[in-house]
């Protein structure tokens, strides 16, 4: 990998763990240089690691090959949800553990794993190396780890991806602007040996309970139960918006009369036309038929002390 540039610290490469920090310099608030400084200062001397700056799409192919051939035990994504999704896809169904230094807008998976949003604290959690194995989802064969969906949230994800401004404030501004413009659409859902018709503002297929920023669209979802929680937000009026948001923020979305929830390990959703989807907030454009499938126990992850283990 002659074109891969490393920032390296620690000569203890005879230790059991070997970490690769994968830094996306375009993620979040672009504080990657500060994060590298913190890693080099705070990370234990007795754990082997390297830091690589992810330059572009082609460079990531080099990084993926490196992960699988150089004996790394941990791949640490330093970035937002898109960075996390990309790194996680590279190590699904391997024994390499995913770690996250969250610097994005939502940080949905990091929050769901009980990881700290403070850089110094999450570095300590990564060094501790407590691991669990979680389920993953696929949407038309694309991996996702937190949530995927169609409708309004996919529409917002598409607009946010093309926006010049990043961060939570930009996301909120786009959401508020589009809230009164967007119209519910008709969908056919097939799951659990049944087919139903629904007109929906959005449909979220949740592996974890939240989108990010502690917005819990499916608070009963669990990363280790082998199931999706499918949340259908029905058409609503302006007066209902505050109540819906309050339920989501209080982790009570499943109790809202505007939200219908089902549990399944596979669901096919058919719409009238090709349209947007999102996977972990990343936008894509897909055919009319969209298939979601759970992949049980497919990803090893580093978790925080507050992560609640699901008993099967």
C-alpha atoms as a PDB file:
ATOM      1  CA  UNK A   1       0.000   0.000   0.000  1.00  0.00           C
ATOM      2  CA  UNK A   2       2.585   2.550  -1.106  1.00  0.00           C
ATOM      3  CA  UNK A   3       0.054   5.370  -1.472  1.00  0.00           C
ATOM      4  CA  UNK A   4      -1.329   4.979   2.065  1.00  0.00           C
ATOM      5  CA  UNK A   5       0.089   7.543   4.481  1.00  0.00           C
ATOM      6  CA  UNK A   6       0.121   6.669   8.163  1.00  0.00           C
ATOM      7  CA  UNK A   7       0.429   8.645  11.343  1.00  0.00           C
ATOM      8  CA  UNK A   8       1.816   6.027  13.688  1.00  0.00           C
ATOM      9  CA  UNK A   9       2.382   5.755  17.408  1.00  0.00           C
ATOM     10  CA  UNK A  10       3.298   2.715  19.504  1.00  0.00           C
ATOM     11  CA  UNK A  11       5.907   0.125  18.748  1.00  0.00           C
ATOM     12  CA  UNK A  12       4.105  -2.554  20.733  1.00  0.00           C
ATOM     13  CA  UNK A  13       2.991  -4.560  17.711  1.00  0.00           C
ATOM     14  CA  UNK A  14       3.448  -7.799  19.624  1.00  0.00           C
ATOM     15  CA  UNK A  15       0.369  -6.980  21.736  1.00  0.00           C
ATOM     16  CA  UNK A  16      -2.939  -8.837  21.173  1.00  0.00           C
ATOM     17  CA  UNK A  17      -4.808  -5.810  19.812  1.00  0.00           C
ATOM     18  CA  UNK A  18      -3.907  -3.822  16.721  1.00  0.00           C
ATOM     19  CA  UNK A  19      -6.105  -0.844  15.864  1.00  0.00           C
ATOM     20  CA  UNK A  20      -6.537   1.162  12.686  1.00  0.00           C
ATOM     21  CA  UNK A  21      -8.073   4.608  13.174  1.00  0.00           C
ATOM     22  CA  UNK A  22      -9.715   5.606   9.878  1.00  0.00           C
ATOM     23  CA  UNK A  23     -10.142   9.380   9.828  1.00  0.00           C
ATOM     24  CA  UNK A  24     -12.514  11.145   7.443  1.00  0.00           C
ATOM     25  CA  UNK A  25     -11.160  14.715   7.214  1.00  0.00           C
ATOM     26  CA  UNK A  26     -14.453  15.969   5.729  1.00  0.00           C
ATOM     27  CA  UNK A  27     -16.746  14.739   8.505  1.00  0.00           C
ATOM     28  CA  UNK A  28     -18.461  16.783  11.174  1.00  0.00           C
ATOM     29  CA  UNK A  29     -16.861  20.089  12.085  1.00  0.00           C
ATOM     30  CA  UNK A  30     -13.556  19.193  10.418  1.00  0.00           C
ATOM     31  CA  UNK A  31     -11.692  18.896  13.707  1.00  0.00           C
ATOM     32  CA  UNK A  32      -9.775  15.842  12.568  1.00  0.00           C
ATOM     33  CA  UNK A  33      -6.334  17.323  13.267  1.00  0.00           C
ATOM     34  CA  UNK A  34      -7.365  18.016  16.854  1.00  0.00           C
ATOM     35  CA  UNK A  35      -8.703  14.476  17.203  1.00  0.00           C
ATOM     36  CA  UNK A  36      -5.454  12.991  15.938  1.00  0.00           C
ATOM     37  CA  UNK A  37      -3.584  15.051  18.516  1.00  0.00           C
ATOM     38  CA  UNK A  38      -5.863  13.718  21.264  1.00  0.00           C
ATOM     39  CA  UNK A  39      -5.431  10.127  20.107  1.00  0.00           C
ATOM     40  CA  UNK A  40      -1.648  10.443  20.057  1.00  0.00           C
ATOM     41  CA  UNK A  41      -1.676  12.042  23.510  1.00  0.00           C
ATOM     42  CA  UNK A  42      -4.315   9.947  25.284  1.00  0.00           C
ATOM     43  CA  UNK A  43      -4.199   6.476  23.756  1.00  0.00           C
ATOM     44  CA  UNK A  44      -2.329   3.884  25.885  1.00  0.00           C
ATOM     45  CA  UNK A  45       1.266   3.173  24.921  1.00  0.00           C
ATOM     46  CA  UNK A  46       0.823  -0.581  25.276  1.00  0.00           C
ATOM     47  CA  UNK A  47      -1.858  -0.909  22.567  1.00  0.00           C
ATOM     48  CA  UNK A  48      -0.665  -1.000  18.972  1.00  0.00           C
ATOM     49  CA  UNK A  49      -2.355   1.337  16.545  1.00  0.00           C
ATOM     50  CA  UNK A  50      -2.029   3.322  13.364  1.00  0.00           C
ATOM     51  CA  UNK A  51      -3.955   6.298  12.007  1.00  0.00           C
ATOM     52  CA  UNK A  52      -4.796   6.659   8.337  1.00  0.00           C
ATOM     53  CA  UNK A  53      -6.400   9.683   6.683  1.00  0.00           C
ATOM     54  CA  UNK A  54      -9.137   8.543   4.325  1.00  0.00           C
ATOM     55  CA  UNK A  55      -8.490  10.554   1.161  1.00  0.00           C
ATOM     56  CA  UNK A  56     -11.212   9.465  -1.267  1.00  0.00           C
ATOM     57  CA  UNK A  57     -13.338   6.544  -2.476  1.00  0.00           C
ATOM     58  CA  UNK A  58     -10.474   4.755  -4.218  1.00  0.00           C
ATOM     59  CA  UNK A  59      -8.218   5.176  -1.211  1.00  0.00           C
ATOM     60  CA  UNK A  60     -10.831   3.431   0.940  1.00  0.00           C
ATOM     61  CA  UNK A  61     -10.393   0.313  -1.183  1.00  0.00           C
ATOM     62  CA  UNK A  62      -6.737   0.318  -0.115  1.00  0.00           C
ATOM     63  CA  UNK A  63      -7.754   0.748   3.511  1.00  0.00           C
ATOM     64  CA  UNK A  64     -10.200  -2.169   3.298  1.00  0.00           C
ATOM     65  CA  UNK A  65      -7.521  -4.422   1.849  1.00  0.00           C
ATOM     66  CA  UNK A  66      -5.138  -3.299   4.581  1.00  0.00           C
ATOM     67  CA  UNK A  67      -7.643  -4.152   7.326  1.00  0.00           C
ATOM     68  CA  UNK A  68      -8.031  -7.675   6.073  1.00  0.00           C
ATOM     69  CA  UNK A  69      -4.386  -8.486   5.371  1.00  0.00           C
ATOM     70  CA  UNK A  70      -2.377  -6.785   8.119  1.00  0.00           C
ATOM     71  CA  UNK A  71      -3.830  -8.438  11.214  1.00  0.00           C
ATOM     72  CA  UNK A  72      -5.896  -5.559  12.571  1.00  0.00           C
ATOM     73  CA  UNK A  73      -8.279  -6.464  15.384  1.00  0.00           C
ATOM     74  CA  UNK A  74     -10.166  -3.159  15.484  1.00  0.00           C
ATOM     75  CA  UNK A  75     -11.280  -0.655  12.829  1.00  0.00           C
ATOM     76  CA  UNK A  76     -12.029   2.739  14.381  1.00  0.00           C
ATOM     77  CA  UNK A  77     -14.220   5.063  12.296  1.00  0.00           C
ATOM     78  CA  UNK A  78     -13.484   8.716  13.012  1.00  0.00           C
ATOM     79  CA  UNK A  79     -16.338  10.652  11.445  1.00  0.00           C
ATOM     80  CA  UNK A  80     -20.113  10.820  11.083  1.00  0.00           C
ATOM     81  CA  UNK A  81     -22.762   8.232  10.306  1.00  0.00           C
ATOM     82  CA  UNK A  82     -21.684   7.918   6.664  1.00  0.00           C
ATOM     83  CA  UNK A  83     -18.096   7.185   7.685  1.00  0.00           C
ATOM     84  CA  UNK A  84     -19.286   4.657  10.265  1.00  0.00           C
ATOM     85  CA  UNK A  85     -21.474   2.915   7.687  1.00  0.00           C
ATOM     86  CA  UNK A  86     -18.611   2.678   5.197  1.00  0.00           C
ATOM     87  CA  UNK A  87     -16.126   1.261   7.719  1.00  0.00           C
ATOM     88  CA  UNK A  88     -18.699  -1.144   9.169  1.00  0.00           C
ATOM     89  CA  UNK A  89     -19.557  -2.505   5.718  1.00  0.00           C
ATOM     90  CA  UNK A  90     -15.894  -3.376   5.229  1.00  0.00           C
ATOM     91  CA  UNK A  91     -15.765  -5.600   8.332  1.00  0.00           C
ATOM     92  CA  UNK A  92     -19.229  -7.214   8.471  1.00  0.00           C
ATOM     93  CA  UNK A  93     -18.976 -10.962   9.161  1.00  0.00           C
ATOM     94  CA  UNK A  94     -15.345 -10.735  10.260  1.00  0.00           C
ATOM     95  CA  UNK A  95     -13.756 -10.827  13.709  1.00  0.00           C
ATOM     96  CA  UNK A  96     -12.609  -7.208  13.377  1.00  0.00           C
ATOM     97  CA  UNK A  97     -14.359  -4.957  15.910  1.00  0.00           C
ATOM     98  CA  UNK A  98     -15.862  -1.624  14.895  1.00  0.00           C
ATOM     99  CA  UNK A  99     -15.026   1.335  17.100  1.00  0.00           C
ATOM    100  CA  UNK A 100     -16.406   4.851  16.652  1.00  0.00           C
ATOM    101  CA  UNK A 101     -15.050   8.310  17.419  1.00  0.00           C
ATOM    102  CA  UNK A 102     -18.269  10.243  16.690  1.00  0.00           C
ATOM    103  CA  UNK A 103     -17.890  13.670  15.085  1.00  0.00           C
ATOM    104  CA  UNK A 104     -20.967  13.754  12.846  1.00  0.00           C
ATOM    105  CA  UNK A 105     -24.364  15.413  12.977  1.00  0.00           C
ATOM    106  CA  UNK A 106     -26.409  12.522  14.383  1.00  0.00           C
ATOM    107  CA  UNK A 107     -24.035   9.778  15.569  1.00  0.00           C
ATOM    108  CA  UNK A 108     -26.925   7.307  15.768  1.00  0.00           C
ATOM    109  CA  UNK A 109     -24.985   4.054  16.061  1.00  0.00           C
ATOM    110  CA  UNK A 110     -22.405   5.486  18.467  1.00  0.00           C
ATOM    111  CA  UNK A 111     -25.175   6.670  20.795  1.00  0.00           C
ATOM    112  CA  UNK A 112     -26.974   3.326  20.500  1.00  0.00           C
ATOM    113  CA  UNK A 113     -23.778   1.528  21.534  1.00  0.00           C
ATOM    114  CA  UNK A 114     -23.424   3.651  24.655  1.00  0.00           C
ATOM    115  CA  UNK A 115     -20.328   5.449  23.399  1.00  0.00           C
ATOM    116  CA  UNK A 116     -19.474   8.905  24.691  1.00  0.00           C
ATOM    117  CA  UNK A 117     -19.845  12.010  22.513  1.00  0.00           C
ATOM    118  CA  UNK A 118     -16.752  13.446  24.230  1.00  0.00           C
ATOM    119  CA  UNK A 119     -13.552  12.658  22.332  1.00  0.00           C
ATOM    120  CA  UNK A 120     -11.378  12.076  25.397  1.00  0.00           C
ATOM    121  CA  UNK A 121     -13.958   9.752  26.962  1.00  0.00           C
ATOM    122  CA  UNK A 122     -14.633   7.707  23.838  1.00  0.00           C
ATOM    123  CA  UNK A 123     -10.877   7.196  23.361  1.00  0.00           C
ATOM    124  CA  UNK A 124     -10.841   5.604  26.821  1.00  0.00           C
ATOM    125  CA  UNK A 125     -13.782   3.384  25.896  1.00  0.00           C
ATOM    126  CA  UNK A 126     -12.013   2.266  22.731  1.00  0.00           C
ATOM    127  CA  UNK A 127      -8.844   1.542  24.689  1.00  0.00           C
ATOM    128  CA  UNK A 128     -10.861  -0.551  27.172  1.00  0.00           C
ATOM    129  CA  UNK A 129     -12.166  -2.546  24.228  1.00  0.00           C
ATOM    130  CA  UNK A 130     -15.396  -3.980  25.630  1.00  0.00           C
ATOM    131  CA  UNK A 131     -17.132  -5.722  22.698  1.00  0.00           C
ATOM    132  CA  UNK A 132     -20.516  -7.143  21.753  1.00  0.00           C
ATOM    133  CA  UNK A 133     -21.943  -8.600  18.542  1.00  0.00           C
ATOM    134  CA  UNK A 134     -24.931  -6.861  16.938  1.00  0.00           C
ATOM    135  CA  UNK A 135     -27.361  -7.435  14.096  1.00  0.00           C
ATOM    136  CA  UNK A 136     -27.158  -5.576  10.790  1.00  0.00           C
ATOM    137  CA  UNK A 137     -29.744  -4.818   8.150  1.00  0.00           C
ATOM    138  CA  UNK A 138     -29.705  -4.698   4.374  1.00  0.00           C
ATOM    139  CA  UNK A 139     -31.869  -2.569   2.105  1.00  0.00           C
ATOM    140  CA  UNK A 140     -31.762  -3.829  -1.498  1.00  0.00           C
ATOM    141  CA  UNK A 141     -28.460  -5.488  -0.505  1.00  0.00           C
ATOM    142  CA  UNK A 142     -26.930  -2.276   0.943  1.00  0.00           C
ATOM    143  CA  UNK A 143     -25.877  -2.636   4.584  1.00  0.00           C
ATOM    144  CA  UNK A 144     -27.217  -0.392   7.312  1.00  0.00           C
ATOM    145  CA  UNK A 145     -26.669  -0.605  11.039  1.00  0.00           C
ATOM    146  CA  UNK A 146     -29.007   1.871  12.718  1.00  0.00           C
ATOM    147  CA  UNK A 147     -32.024   2.831  10.594  1.00  0.00           C
ATOM    148  CA  UNK A 148     -33.111   2.829   6.977  1.00  0.00           C
ATOM    149  CA  UNK A 149     -36.282   4.083   5.415  1.00  0.00           C
ATOM    150  CA  UNK A 150     -38.361   5.737   2.757  1.00  0.00           C
ATOM    151  CA  UNK A 151     -40.520   8.833   2.599  1.00  0.00           C
ATOM    152  CA  UNK A 152     -39.837  12.101   4.383  1.00  0.00           C
ATOM    153  CA  UNK A 153     -36.617  11.118   6.174  1.00  0.00           C
ATOM    154  CA  UNK A 154     -35.122   9.806   2.916  1.00  0.00           C
ATOM    155  CA  UNK A 155     -36.180  13.047   1.217  1.00  0.00           C
ATOM    156  CA  UNK A 156     -34.464  15.090   3.948  1.00  0.00           C
ATOM    157  CA  UNK A 157     -31.354  12.893   3.776  1.00  0.00           C
ATOM    158  CA  UNK A 158     -31.094  13.578   0.059  1.00  0.00           C
ATOM    159  CA  UNK A 159     -31.432  17.357   0.541  1.00  0.00           C
ATOM    160  CA  UNK A 160     -28.983  17.387   3.461  1.00  0.00           C
ATOM    161  CA  UNK A 161     -26.374  15.450   1.467  1.00  0.00           C
ATOM    162  CA  UNK A 162     -26.471  18.091  -1.279  1.00  0.00           C
ATOM    163  CA  UNK A 163     -26.432  21.027   1.151  1.00  0.00           C
ATOM    164  CA  UNK A 164     -23.274  23.107   1.460  1.00  0.00           C
ATOM    165  CA  UNK A 165     -23.915  23.579   5.172  1.00  0.00           C
ATOM    166  CA  UNK A 166     -23.403  20.635   7.533  1.00  0.00           C
ATOM    167  CA  UNK A 167     -24.210  20.070  11.179  1.00  0.00           C
ATOM    168  CA  UNK A 168     -27.356  19.683  13.258  1.00  0.00           C
ATOM    169  CA  UNK A 169     -28.590  23.244  12.682  1.00  0.00           C
ATOM    170  CA  UNK A 170     -28.533  22.801   8.920  1.00  0.00           C
ATOM    171  CA  UNK A 171     -30.410  19.500   9.251  1.00  0.00           C
ATOM    172  CA  UNK A 172     -33.061  21.106  11.454  1.00  0.00           C
ATOM    173  CA  UNK A 173     -33.464  24.054   9.064  1.00  0.00           C
ATOM    174  CA  UNK A 174     -34.024  21.747   6.087  1.00  0.00           C
ATOM    175  CA  UNK A 175     -36.470  19.599   8.052  1.00  0.00           C
ATOM    176  CA  UNK A 176     -38.566  22.558   9.202  1.00  0.00           C
ATOM    177  CA  UNK A 177     -38.624  24.043   5.702  1.00  0.00           C
ATOM    178  CA  UNK A 178     -39.777  20.786   4.092  1.00  0.00           C
ATOM    179  CA  UNK A 179     -42.203  19.711   6.798  1.00  0.00           C
ATOM    180  CA  UNK A 180     -45.165  21.584   5.332  1.00  0.00           C
ATOM    181  CA  UNK A 181     -44.213  20.937   1.701  1.00  0.00           C
ATOM    182  CA  UNK A 182     -43.897  17.174   1.729  1.00  0.00           C
ATOM    183  CA  UNK A 183     -46.937  14.987   1.055  1.00  0.00           C
ATOM    184  CA  UNK A 184     -47.619  11.440   2.275  1.00  0.00           C
ATOM    185  CA  UNK A 185     -47.416   8.642  -0.317  1.00  0.00           C
ATOM    186  CA  UNK A 186     -49.026   5.242  -0.843  1.00  0.00           C
ATOM    187  CA  UNK A 187     -47.119   2.051  -0.033  1.00  0.00           C
ATOM    188  CA  UNK A 188     -47.702  -1.703  -0.072  1.00  0.00           C
ATOM    189  CA  UNK A 189     -45.941  -3.588   2.751  1.00  0.00           C
ATOM    190  CA  UNK A 190     -45.410  -7.353   2.752  1.00  0.00           C
ATOM    191  CA  UNK A 191     -44.092  -9.008   5.939  1.00  0.00           C
ATOM    192  CA  UNK A 192     -44.902 -11.816   8.373  1.00  0.00           C
ATOM    193  CA  UNK A 193     -47.046 -13.571   5.720  1.00  0.00           C
ATOM    194  CA  UNK A 194     -49.333 -10.597   5.277  1.00  0.00           C
ATOM    195  CA  UNK A 195     -49.722  -7.639   2.891  1.00  0.00           C
ATOM    196  CA  UNK A 196     -51.085  -4.265   3.968  1.00  0.00           C
ATOM    197  CA  UNK A 197     -51.671  -0.937   2.224  1.00  0.00           C
ATOM    198  CA  UNK A 198     -50.716   2.302   3.926  1.00  0.00           C
ATOM    199  CA  UNK A 199     -50.543   5.986   3.127  1.00  0.00           C
ATOM    200  CA  UNK A 200     -47.503   7.192   5.055  1.00  0.00           C
ATOM    201  CA  UNK A 201     -45.440  10.297   5.659  1.00  0.00           C
ATOM    202  CA  UNK A 202     -42.449   8.056   6.258  1.00  0.00           C
ATOM    203  CA  UNK A 203     -41.617   4.425   6.976  1.00  0.00           C
ATOM    204  CA  UNK A 204     -38.550   3.681   9.073  1.00  0.00           C
ATOM    205  CA  UNK A 205     -37.058   0.207   9.338  1.00  0.00           C
ATOM    206  CA  UNK A 206     -35.130   0.288  12.601  1.00  0.00           C
ATOM    207  CA  UNK A 207     -32.345  -2.010  13.726  1.00  0.00           C
ATOM    208  CA  UNK A 208     -31.526   0.465  16.508  1.00  0.00           C
ATOM    209  CA  UNK A 209     -34.129   2.715  18.070  1.00  0.00           C
ATOM    210  CA  UNK A 210     -32.933   6.118  16.939  1.00  0.00           C
ATOM    211  CA  UNK A 211     -31.973   8.154  13.904  1.00  0.00           C
ATOM    212  CA  UNK A 212     -29.334  10.043  15.899  1.00  0.00           C
ATOM    213  CA  UNK A 213     -29.280  12.949  18.361  1.00  0.00           C
ATOM    214  CA  UNK A 214     -31.541  10.802  20.579  1.00  0.00           C
ATOM    215  CA  UNK A 215     -34.512  11.053  18.199  1.00  0.00           C
ATOM    216  CA  UNK A 216     -36.099   7.669  18.969  1.00  0.00           C
ATOM    217  CA  UNK A 217     -38.469   6.705  16.162  1.00  0.00           C
ATOM    218  CA  UNK A 218     -38.591   3.056  17.332  1.00  0.00           C
ATOM    219  CA  UNK A 219     -37.607   3.055  21.016  1.00  0.00           C
ATOM    220  CA  UNK A 220     -38.281  -0.666  21.495  1.00  0.00           C
ATOM    221  CA  UNK A 221     -35.834  -1.690  18.769  1.00  0.00           C
ATOM    222  CA  UNK A 222     -32.769  -3.588  19.927  1.00  0.00           C
ATOM    223  CA  UNK A 223     -29.487  -4.233  18.145  1.00  0.00           C
ATOM    224  CA  UNK A 224     -29.305  -7.857  19.287  1.00  0.00           C
ATOM    225  CA  UNK A 225     -32.834  -9.261  18.997  1.00  0.00           C
ATOM    226  CA  UNK A 226     -32.723 -10.407  15.360  1.00  0.00           C
ATOM    227  CA  UNK A 227     -35.689  -8.204  14.437  1.00  0.00           C
ATOM    228  CA  UNK A 228     -36.566  -4.898  12.806  1.00  0.00           C
ATOM    229  CA  UNK A 229     -39.081  -2.514  14.315  1.00  0.00           C
ATOM    230  CA  UNK A 230     -40.955  -0.925  11.416  1.00  0.00           C
ATOM    231  CA  UNK A 231     -42.395   2.491  12.278  1.00  0.00           C
ATOM    232  CA  UNK A 232     -45.065   3.927   9.968  1.00  0.00           C
ATOM    233  CA  UNK A 233     -45.783   7.624  10.470  1.00  0.00           C
ATOM    234  CA  UNK A 234     -49.292   8.225   9.184  1.00  0.00           C
ATOM    235  CA  UNK A 235     -50.449  11.523   7.618  1.00  0.00           C
ATOM    236  CA  UNK A 236     -50.926  14.223  10.243  1.00  0.00           C
ATOM    237  CA  UNK A 237     -51.938  17.849  10.549  1.00  0.00           C
ATOM    238  CA  UNK A 238     -49.853  20.771  11.769  1.00  0.00           C
ATOM    239  CA  UNK A 239     -51.432  20.641  15.209  1.00  0.00           C
ATOM    240  CA  UNK A 240     -50.103  17.095  15.710  1.00  0.00           C
ATOM    241  CA  UNK A 241     -46.441  17.941  14.985  1.00  0.00           C
ATOM    242  CA  UNK A 242     -45.532  19.008  18.517  1.00  0.00           C
ATOM    243  CA  UNK A 243     -47.101  15.893  20.055  1.00  0.00           C
ATOM    244  CA  UNK A 244     -45.310  13.569  17.635  1.00  0.00           C
ATOM    245  CA  UNK A 245     -41.920  15.213  18.272  1.00  0.00           C
ATOM    246  CA  UNK A 246     -42.495  15.103  22.019  1.00  0.00           C
ATOM    247  CA  UNK A 247     -43.199  11.362  21.889  1.00  0.00           C
ATOM    248  CA  UNK A 248     -40.075  10.786  19.766  1.00  0.00           C
ATOM    249  CA  UNK A 249     -37.836  12.775  22.130  1.00  0.00           C
ATOM    250  CA  UNK A 250     -39.274  11.011  25.188  1.00  0.00           C
ATOM    251  CA  UNK A 251     -38.740   7.550  23.683  1.00  0.00           C
ATOM    252  CA  UNK A 252     -42.491   6.979  23.458  1.00  0.00           C
ATOM    253  CA  UNK A 253     -42.981   7.096  19.680  1.00  0.00           C
ATOM    254  CA  UNK A 254     -44.537   3.615  19.740  1.00  0.00           C
ATOM    255  CA  UNK A 255     -47.343   5.039  21.933  1.00  0.00           C
ATOM    256  CA  UNK A 256     -48.249   7.801  19.482  1.00  0.00           C
ATOM    257  CA  UNK A 257     -51.587   7.392  17.714  1.00  0.00           C
ATOM    258  CA  UNK A 258     -49.857   8.736  14.594  1.00  0.00           C
ATOM    259  CA  UNK A 259     -47.238   5.954  14.516  1.00  0.00           C
ATOM    260  CA  UNK A 260     -47.962   2.314  13.707  1.00  0.00           C
ATOM    261  CA  UNK A 261     -45.261  -0.242  14.600  1.00  0.00           C
ATOM    262  CA  UNK A 262     -44.614  -3.818  13.447  1.00  0.00           C
ATOM    263  CA  UNK A 263     -41.846  -6.310  14.259  1.00  0.00           C
ATOM    264  CA  UNK A 264     -40.320  -8.541  11.577  1.00  0.00           C
ATOM    265  CA  UNK A 265     -37.026  -9.872  10.224  1.00  0.00           C
ATOM    266  CA  UNK A 266     -37.867  -9.109   6.582  1.00  0.00           C
ATOM    267  CA  UNK A 267     -40.142  -6.626   4.841  1.00  0.00           C
ATOM    268  CA  UNK A 268     -40.763  -5.661   1.226  1.00  0.00           C
ATOM    269  CA  UNK A 269     -42.175  -2.194   0.539  1.00  0.00           C
ATOM    270  CA  UNK A 270     -43.530  -1.304  -2.886  1.00  0.00           C
ATOM    271  CA  UNK A 271     -44.254   2.266  -3.984  1.00  0.00           C
ATOM    272  CA  UNK A 272     -45.711   3.803  -7.125  1.00  0.00           C
ATOM    273  CA  UNK A 273     -42.407   5.062  -8.574  1.00  0.00           C
ATOM    274  CA  UNK A 274     -38.656   4.920  -8.166  1.00  0.00           C
ATOM    275  CA  UNK A 275     -37.745   7.163  -5.247  1.00  0.00           C
ATOM    276  CA  UNK A 276     -35.270   7.991  -2.504  1.00  0.00           C
ATOM    277  CA  UNK A 277     -34.250   5.738   0.353  1.00  0.00           C
ATOM    278  CA  UNK A 278     -31.719   6.275   3.107  1.00  0.00           C
ATOM    279  CA  UNK A 279     -29.451   3.894   4.963  1.00  0.00           C
ATOM    280  CA  UNK A 280     -28.025   5.315   8.187  1.00  0.00           C
ATOM    281  CA  UNK A 281     -28.912   8.724   6.793  1.00  0.00           C
ATOM    282  CA  UNK A 282     -27.004   8.203   3.555  1.00  0.00           C
ATOM    283  CA  UNK A 283     -29.269   8.861   0.549  1.00  0.00           C
ATOM    284  CA  UNK A 284     -29.760   6.646  -2.488  1.00  0.00           C
ATOM    285  CA  UNK A 285     -32.265   6.315  -5.331  1.00  0.00           C
ATOM    286  CA  UNK A 286     -33.854   2.890  -5.716  1.00  0.00           C
ATOM    287  CA  UNK A 287     -36.467   0.968  -7.694  1.00  0.00           C
ATOM    288  CA  UNK A 288     -40.149   0.842  -6.741  1.00  0.00           C
ATOM    289  CA  UNK A 289     -39.643  -2.342  -4.711  1.00  0.00           C
ATOM    290  CA  UNK A 290     -37.444  -2.068  -1.624  1.00  0.00           C
ATOM    291  CA  UNK A 291     -36.458  -5.170   0.380  1.00  0.00           C
ATOM    292  CA  UNK A 292     -35.186  -4.991   3.957  1.00  0.00           C
ATOM    293  CA  UNK A 293     -33.596  -8.043   5.611  1.00  0.00           C
ATOM    294  CA  UNK A 294     -32.016  -8.564   9.028  1.00  0.00           C
ATOM    295  CA  UNK A 295     -28.577 -10.181   9.310  1.00  0.00           C
ATOM    296  CA  UNK A 296     -28.321 -11.505  12.878  1.00  0.00           C
ATOM    297  CA  UNK A 297     -25.094 -11.241  14.867  1.00  0.00           C
ATOM    298  CA  UNK A 298     -23.115  -9.934  11.895  1.00  0.00           C
ATOM    299  CA  UNK A 299     -20.937  -7.165  13.347  1.00  0.00           C
ATOM    300  CA  UNK A 300     -18.533  -7.071  16.285  1.00  0.00           C
ATOM    301  CA  UNK A 301     -18.554  -3.641  17.963  1.00  0.00           C
ATOM    302  CA  UNK A 302     -16.882  -1.756  20.798  1.00  0.00           C
ATOM    303  CA  UNK A 303     -19.496  -0.591  23.306  1.00  0.00           C
ATOM    304  CA  UNK A 304     -19.680   1.720  26.284  1.00  0.00           C
ATOM    305  CA  UNK A 305     -20.395   0.642  29.838  1.00  0.00           C
ATOM    306  CA  UNK A 306     -24.070   1.652  29.628  1.00  0.00           C
ATOM    307  CA  UNK A 307     -24.826  -0.555  26.616  1.00  0.00           C
ATOM    308  CA  UNK A 308     -27.666  -2.918  27.552  1.00  0.00           C
ATOM    309  CA  UNK A 309     -27.032  -6.466  26.375  1.00  0.00           C
ATOM    310  CA  UNK A 310     -30.077  -8.210  24.923  1.00  0.00           C
ATOM    311  CA  UNK A 311     -30.754 -11.718  26.234  1.00  0.00           C
ATOM    312  CA  UNK A 312     -32.075 -13.927  23.453  1.00  0.00           C
END
